[in-house]
Protein backbone atom coordinates (compact mmCIF):
# COMPACT_ATOMS: atom_id res chain seq x y z
CA MET A 1 37.34 52.70 27.06
CA THR A 2 40.43 50.76 25.96
CA THR A 3 43.83 51.42 27.48
CA ASP A 4 47.04 50.71 25.65
CA PRO A 5 48.72 47.55 27.00
CA ARG A 6 51.96 49.41 27.58
CA GLU A 7 50.16 52.08 29.58
CA ARG A 8 48.41 49.46 31.72
CA LEU A 9 51.71 47.70 32.39
CA ARG A 10 53.34 50.96 33.40
CA ARG A 11 50.52 51.58 35.83
CA VAL A 12 51.10 48.18 37.42
CA ASP A 13 54.90 48.73 37.61
CA PRO A 14 55.79 52.41 37.29
CA ALA A 15 59.29 51.94 35.93
CA PRO A 16 61.12 54.76 34.24
CA VAL A 17 59.29 56.08 31.22
CA ASP A 18 62.13 55.27 28.90
CA ALA A 19 62.16 51.59 30.01
CA GLU A 20 60.45 49.30 27.47
CA PRO A 21 58.14 46.65 29.07
CA PRO A 22 58.91 43.03 28.25
CA SER A 23 57.18 41.85 25.11
CA GLY A 24 55.66 38.89 26.92
CA ALA A 25 53.96 41.15 29.43
CA ILE A 26 52.46 43.25 26.66
CA GLU A 27 51.08 40.13 24.97
CA ALA A 28 49.62 38.96 28.29
CA VAL A 29 47.80 42.24 28.77
CA ALA A 30 46.50 42.00 25.20
CA VAL A 31 45.13 38.53 26.03
CA ILE A 32 43.38 39.96 29.09
CA HIS A 33 41.78 42.57 26.85
CA GLU A 34 40.51 39.88 24.50
CA ILE A 35 39.09 37.83 27.41
CA GLU A 36 37.28 40.82 28.80
CA ARG A 37 35.90 41.71 25.37
CA ARG A 38 34.54 38.18 24.76
CA MET A 39 33.00 37.99 28.21
CA GLY A 40 31.27 41.35 27.68
CA MET A 41 33.30 43.19 30.34
CA GLU A 42 34.72 46.70 30.18
CA PRO A 43 38.55 46.72 30.47
CA ARG A 44 39.54 47.69 33.94
CA GLU A 45 41.29 51.03 34.40
CA THR A 46 44.35 51.21 36.69
CA THR A 47 45.15 54.26 38.74
CA ASP A 48 47.90 56.57 37.59
CA GLN A 49 49.42 56.57 41.09
CA PRO A 50 52.32 54.12 41.45
CA THR A 51 51.98 51.40 44.00
CA ILE A 52 54.39 51.80 46.85
CA THR A 53 55.38 48.59 48.51
CA SER A 54 56.29 48.14 52.16
CA SER A 55 59.96 47.67 51.27
CA GLN A 56 60.01 51.03 49.57
CA GLN A 57 58.55 52.72 52.65
CA GLN A 58 61.25 51.16 54.83
CA GLN A 59 64.01 52.40 52.55
CA GLU A 60 62.65 55.94 52.53
CA ALA A 61 62.37 56.02 56.31
CA ALA A 62 65.91 54.67 56.91
CA PRO A 63 68.81 57.14 57.07
CA PRO A 64 71.15 57.17 54.12
CA PRO A 65 74.37 55.17 54.62
CA SER A 66 77.70 56.90 55.27
CA ALA A 67 79.78 57.95 52.35
CA PRO A 68 82.71 55.58 52.90
CA ASP A 69 80.40 52.57 53.00
CA GLN A 70 78.55 53.39 49.77
CA VAL A 71 79.24 51.19 46.83
CA PRO A 72 79.41 52.89 43.47
CA THR A 73 76.32 52.14 41.46
CA THR A 74 76.51 50.54 38.09
CA PRO A 75 73.98 50.80 35.27
CA GLN A 76 72.59 47.39 36.27
CA GLN A 77 71.84 48.67 39.81
CA ARG A 78 69.94 51.80 38.80
CA THR A 79 66.63 50.05 39.41
CA SER A 80 66.15 49.51 43.07
CA PRO A 81 65.19 46.08 44.40
CA GLY A 82 61.95 47.63 45.55
CA ARG A 83 61.01 48.40 41.93
CA ARG A 84 62.17 45.08 40.47
CA ARG A 85 60.12 43.04 42.94
CA PRO A 86 56.70 44.49 42.01
CA LEU A 87 57.52 44.00 38.36
CA LEU A 88 58.31 40.35 38.94
CA VAL A 89 55.15 39.96 40.96
CA ALA A 90 53.14 41.66 38.23
CA VAL A 91 54.67 39.47 35.56
CA GLY A 92 53.87 36.40 37.63
CA VAL A 93 50.30 37.57 38.12
CA VAL A 94 50.01 38.31 34.42
CA ALA A 95 51.36 34.85 33.58
CA ALA A 96 48.78 33.28 35.89
CA VAL A 97 46.07 35.39 34.35
CA VAL A 98 47.30 34.32 30.93
CA LEU A 99 46.94 30.69 31.90
CA VAL A 100 43.49 31.29 33.36
CA GLY A 101 42.56 33.36 30.33
CA ALA A 102 43.72 30.66 27.96
CA ALA A 103 41.57 28.18 29.85
CA ALA A 104 38.67 30.64 29.70
CA LEU A 105 39.18 31.07 25.98
CA GLY A 106 39.11 27.31 25.63
CA ILE A 107 35.85 27.18 27.58
CA VAL A 108 34.39 30.01 25.51
CA ALA A 109 35.48 28.25 22.33
CA VAL A 110 33.83 25.03 23.47
CA VAL A 111 30.64 26.53 24.89
CA GLY A 112 30.35 29.25 22.23
CA ASP A 113 27.80 31.97 22.20
CA ALA A 114 24.90 31.22 24.57
CA THR A 115 22.45 32.33 21.91
CA SER A 116 23.82 30.07 19.20
CA PRO A 117 21.96 26.77 18.64
CA VAL A 118 23.57 23.63 19.91
CA ALA A 119 23.82 20.98 17.25
CA ALA A 120 22.03 17.80 18.21
CA PRO A 121 24.04 14.63 18.02
CA THR A 122 23.55 12.80 14.79
CA ALA A 123 21.65 9.57 15.33
CA THR A 124 23.08 6.57 13.61
CA ALA A 125 20.37 4.60 11.84
CA ALA A 126 20.26 0.94 12.68
CA PRO A 127 21.00 -1.31 9.74
CA VAL A 128 17.84 -2.52 8.01
CA THR A 129 17.74 -6.13 7.05
CA THR A 130 15.69 -6.70 3.91
CA GLN A 131 13.73 -9.91 4.04
CA PRO A 132 12.82 -11.61 0.77
CA PRO A 133 9.10 -11.42 -0.04
CA THR A 134 7.12 -14.38 1.12
CA THR A 135 5.24 -16.07 -1.67
CA ALA A 136 1.94 -17.43 -0.49
CA THR A 137 1.32 -20.97 -1.56
CA VAL A 138 -2.01 -21.18 -3.39
CA PRO A 139 -3.54 -24.62 -3.04
CA ALA A 140 -4.22 -26.33 -6.34
CA PHE A 141 -7.78 -26.32 -7.60
CA THR A 142 -8.73 -29.98 -7.69
CA GLY A 143 -11.03 -31.93 -9.96
CA ASP A 144 -13.31 -32.78 -7.05
CA GLU A 145 -13.84 -29.09 -6.37
CA ALA A 146 -14.66 -28.47 -10.02
CA LEU A 147 -17.16 -31.34 -10.00
CA ALA A 148 -18.80 -29.88 -6.90
CA ILE A 149 -19.40 -26.62 -8.77
CA SER A 150 -20.81 -28.51 -11.76
CA ASP A 151 -23.18 -30.43 -9.51
CA ALA A 152 -24.26 -27.17 -7.88
CA TYR A 153 -25.26 -25.81 -11.31
CA ILE A 154 -27.37 -28.87 -12.14
CA ASP A 155 -29.04 -28.92 -8.71
CA ALA A 156 -29.92 -25.21 -8.94
CA PHE A 157 -31.38 -25.66 -12.44
CA ASN A 158 -33.54 -28.61 -11.42
CA SER A 159 -34.86 -26.72 -8.39
CA GLY A 160 -35.84 -23.73 -10.54
CA ASP A 161 -33.56 -21.32 -8.66
CA ALA A 162 -32.39 -18.84 -11.30
CA ASP A 163 -30.26 -16.82 -8.88
CA ALA A 164 -28.39 -19.92 -7.75
CA VAL A 165 -27.81 -20.96 -11.38
CA LEU A 166 -26.36 -17.57 -12.31
CA GLY A 167 -24.31 -17.57 -9.13
CA VAL A 168 -22.12 -20.47 -10.25
CA PHE A 169 -21.03 -18.58 -13.40
CA THR A 170 -18.36 -15.89 -13.45
CA ASP A 171 -19.37 -12.38 -14.49
CA ASP A 172 -17.48 -12.69 -17.78
CA VAL A 173 -18.55 -16.25 -18.59
CA ALA A 174 -18.25 -17.22 -22.25
CA LEU A 175 -21.39 -19.08 -23.42
CA SER A 176 -22.08 -20.92 -26.66
CA GLU A 177 -24.55 -23.48 -28.01
CA LYS A 178 -24.94 -25.85 -30.90
CA TYR A 179 -28.01 -27.78 -32.15
CA THR A 180 -26.96 -30.99 -33.85
CA GLY A 181 -28.71 -31.32 -37.20
CA MET A 182 -29.42 -27.57 -37.30
CA SER A 183 -25.98 -25.96 -37.04
CA VAL A 184 -22.44 -27.11 -37.73
CA SER A 185 -20.63 -25.01 -35.14
CA PHE A 186 -21.15 -23.42 -31.77
CA GLU A 187 -22.63 -19.97 -31.73
CA ALA A 188 -21.76 -17.48 -29.06
CA MET A 189 -24.51 -16.51 -26.69
CA ASP A 190 -24.31 -13.37 -24.59
CA ARG A 191 -25.21 -13.39 -20.94
CA ALA A 192 -28.50 -11.51 -21.48
CA SER A 193 -29.69 -14.17 -23.94
CA PHE A 194 -28.60 -16.90 -21.58
CA GLU A 195 -30.59 -15.36 -18.72
CA GLN A 196 -33.69 -15.17 -20.94
CA GLN A 197 -33.28 -18.78 -22.04
CA LEU A 198 -32.87 -19.81 -18.41
CA ALA A 199 -36.07 -17.97 -17.43
CA TRP A 200 -37.98 -19.56 -20.34
CA ASN A 201 -36.84 -23.04 -19.33
CA LEU A 202 -37.52 -22.58 -15.64
CA GLY A 203 -40.92 -21.04 -16.43
CA GLN A 204 -42.10 -24.23 -18.13
CA GLY A 205 -40.41 -26.56 -15.63
CA SER A 206 -37.49 -27.93 -17.66
CA THR A 207 -35.05 -30.24 -15.87
CA PHE A 208 -31.84 -32.21 -16.41
CA VAL A 209 -32.15 -35.96 -15.94
CA SER A 210 -29.48 -38.59 -15.34
CA PRO A 211 -26.52 -36.18 -15.32
CA GLU A 212 -23.05 -37.69 -15.47
CA CYS A 213 -20.06 -35.39 -15.10
CA ALA A 214 -16.37 -36.20 -15.36
CA VAL A 215 -13.09 -34.34 -15.35
CA ILE A 216 -11.52 -34.44 -18.80
CA GLU A 217 -8.57 -32.11 -18.17
CA ASP A 218 -7.01 -31.59 -14.77
CA GLY A 219 -3.51 -30.44 -15.62
CA VAL A 220 -3.83 -26.74 -14.78
CA ALA A 221 -4.09 -25.68 -11.16
CA ALA A 222 -6.21 -22.60 -11.86
CA GLU A 223 -8.91 -24.30 -13.92
CA VAL A 224 -10.40 -27.70 -14.60
CA THR A 225 -12.37 -28.82 -17.65
CA VAL A 226 -15.49 -30.81 -16.87
CA SER A 227 -17.88 -32.54 -19.26
CA CYS A 228 -21.46 -33.36 -18.27
CA GLU A 229 -23.93 -35.49 -20.20
CA PHE A 230 -27.61 -35.45 -19.30
CA GLY A 231 -31.09 -35.52 -20.78
CA TRP A 232 -32.99 -32.25 -21.21
CA LEU A 233 -36.69 -32.43 -20.48
CA ASP A 234 -38.95 -29.45 -21.10
CA ALA A 235 -42.72 -29.25 -20.69
CA ALA A 236 -43.48 -30.91 -24.05
CA GLU A 237 -41.35 -34.03 -23.40
CA LYS A 238 -42.79 -34.39 -19.93
CA ALA A 239 -46.39 -34.03 -21.11
CA VAL A 240 -46.25 -36.84 -23.69
CA ASP A 241 -43.51 -38.99 -22.12
CA ALA A 242 -41.08 -38.26 -24.93
CA PRO A 243 -37.44 -39.10 -24.35
CA PRO A 244 -35.29 -36.25 -23.09
CA VAL A 245 -33.13 -34.27 -25.50
CA PRO A 246 -29.53 -35.56 -25.27
CA THR A 247 -27.28 -32.73 -24.16
CA VAL A 248 -23.52 -32.39 -23.65
CA LEU A 249 -22.29 -29.51 -21.54
CA THR A 250 -18.55 -28.81 -21.53
CA MET A 251 -17.41 -26.38 -18.86
CA VAL A 252 -14.17 -24.73 -17.79
CA VAL A 253 -14.41 -24.44 -14.02
CA THR A 254 -12.28 -22.15 -11.85
CA PRO A 255 -12.30 -21.44 -8.12
CA ASP A 256 -14.50 -18.41 -8.92
CA GLY A 257 -17.06 -20.45 -10.87
CA ILE A 258 -17.79 -21.59 -14.41
CA SER A 259 -15.91 -19.33 -16.85
CA GLN A 260 -16.87 -21.16 -20.06
CA ALA A 261 -19.93 -23.23 -20.96
CA ALA A 262 -20.73 -24.84 -24.30
CA PHE A 263 -24.15 -26.53 -24.76
CA GLU A 264 -24.62 -29.10 -27.51
CA TYR A 265 -28.19 -30.40 -28.07
CA VAL A 266 -29.54 -33.29 -30.14
CA PRO A 267 -33.20 -32.23 -30.53
CA ASP A 268 -36.04 -34.68 -31.23
CA PHE A 269 -37.93 -33.47 -34.26
CA GLY A 270 -40.80 -35.78 -33.41
CA LEU A 271 -42.48 -32.93 -31.49
CA GLY A 272 -43.34 -31.15 -34.69
CA SER A 273 -47.01 -31.84 -34.21
CA PHE A 274 -47.01 -29.45 -31.22
CA ASP A 275 -45.84 -26.58 -33.39
CA ARG A 276 -48.63 -27.31 -35.88
CA TRP A 277 -51.20 -27.46 -33.11
CA VAL A 278 -50.08 -24.11 -31.66
CA GLY A 279 -50.22 -22.55 -35.16
CA VAL A 280 -53.85 -23.65 -35.60
CA ASN A 281 -55.14 -22.97 -32.08
CA HIS A 282 -52.95 -20.08 -30.84
CA PHE A 283 -51.78 -18.38 -33.97
CA ASP A 284 -51.16 -15.00 -32.36
CA ASN A 285 -48.87 -16.46 -29.70
CA ARG A 286 -47.14 -19.13 -31.73
CA GLU A 287 -43.87 -17.23 -31.89
CA PHE A 288 -44.04 -15.90 -28.37
CA VAL A 289 -44.20 -19.29 -26.68
CA GLU A 290 -41.33 -20.76 -28.64
CA PHE A 291 -37.70 -20.16 -27.94
CA ARG A 292 -36.68 -16.75 -29.23
CA ASP A 293 -35.20 -13.42 -28.13
CA TRP A 294 -37.62 -11.66 -25.81
CA ASP A 295 -37.65 -8.09 -24.66
CA SER A 296 -36.81 -8.99 -21.08
CA VAL A 297 -36.20 -11.84 -18.69
CA ALA A 298 -39.73 -11.38 -17.34
CA ASP A 299 -41.20 -11.82 -20.83
CA ALA A 300 -39.14 -14.94 -21.31
CA GLU A 301 -40.44 -16.37 -18.07
CA GLN A 302 -44.08 -15.61 -19.06
CA ALA A 303 -43.50 -17.27 -22.43
CA GLY A 304 -42.27 -20.40 -20.64
CA ILE A 305 -45.31 -20.46 -18.35
CA LEU A 306 -47.69 -20.00 -21.31
CA ARG A 307 -45.93 -22.71 -23.28
CA ALA A 308 -46.43 -25.15 -20.40
CA GLN A 309 -50.19 -24.43 -20.53
CA TYR A 310 -50.30 -24.95 -24.30
CA VAL A 311 -48.36 -28.21 -23.95
CA ALA A 312 -50.87 -29.50 -21.42
CA ASP A 313 -53.76 -28.65 -23.82
CA TRP A 314 -51.95 -30.30 -26.71
CA ALA A 315 -51.30 -33.50 -24.71
CA ALA A 316 -55.01 -33.68 -23.82
CA TYR A 317 -55.92 -33.19 -27.46
CA LEU A 318 -53.64 -36.03 -28.56
CA GLU A 319 -55.13 -38.34 -25.97
CA ALA A 320 -58.69 -37.42 -26.96
CA ASN A 321 -57.97 -38.15 -30.61
CA ASP A 322 -56.00 -41.30 -29.94
CA CYS A 323 -52.83 -39.79 -31.37
CA THR A 324 -49.22 -39.77 -30.37
CA TYR A 325 -46.84 -36.84 -30.34
CA GLN A 326 -45.16 -38.34 -33.38
CA ASP A 327 -48.29 -38.02 -35.50
CA LEU A 328 -47.96 -34.94 -37.64
CA VAL A 329 -51.71 -34.94 -38.34
CA CYS A 330 -54.23 -35.70 -35.59
CA GLY A 331 -57.99 -35.08 -35.49
CA GLU A 332 -59.12 -31.82 -36.91
CA THR A 333 -55.61 -30.89 -37.86
CA ARG A 334 -55.52 -33.66 -40.44
CA GLY A 335 -55.22 -32.56 -44.00
């Protein structure tokens, strides 16, 4: 229940009804109303009975003064001192309440509604210092390292270790070969053909002899070109003490292995008598035992093993007929 500010002021100081309360007092009472409303309190009701002060009681009890001593009243003296004093006290109390209320309003404004969320202080991000990327220094691939890989290939071949041979080549190695006197340029060889040729050679015991390798280009850090010269001995050359087939192998070597390999052979056509002997004595297998494309690596290896057996029989035949490997016709093969 809300009481009009003027009514509440009149209840505090029951002045004559026609007297208008000071405007400041009315505003103070209005402020009290607002404080009570914000704090969830019901406005306090004041009693309709006027408050009688002790001074008023004394005046009522005292006898009225004699007529000669009375001073004529003026309009300014119509309100007794006993009525002005409570009004001043009330105004002072209201002023104090106004000050307290203003402070309370300030507190309410700062604290706000208890149910409203309190904003967390905004954290200031620390400045981030960007460091320039560190470039790792890759050590240069040296010629000695490339030669070590080349030597590893030759050692693995001579020991008959096919896995070790293939291990020194990169997965995408580019292979080519050229037979001097039979072709004028290098022909590409895929990895499958190379693996079959390797199995055929290792099956018959082929080896490299007197290898000499040297770095021919060492200007690029990522790769080094190496050239190796050696003699190629297969089962036929070994059986009849024929000179090895001169071979030049040029390789591009990287830290990951040999990425390019080009074989150049200078074959000795003096072994033609072996081909004739195989044609007469092992006609059905004459193509199988010679270098060709087989169906698998295992077939290539078996062809190499069988060729080694045929070579041994051919060498014994030459010796029995007092012939050399250079003789195109020997014994029963004459004519």
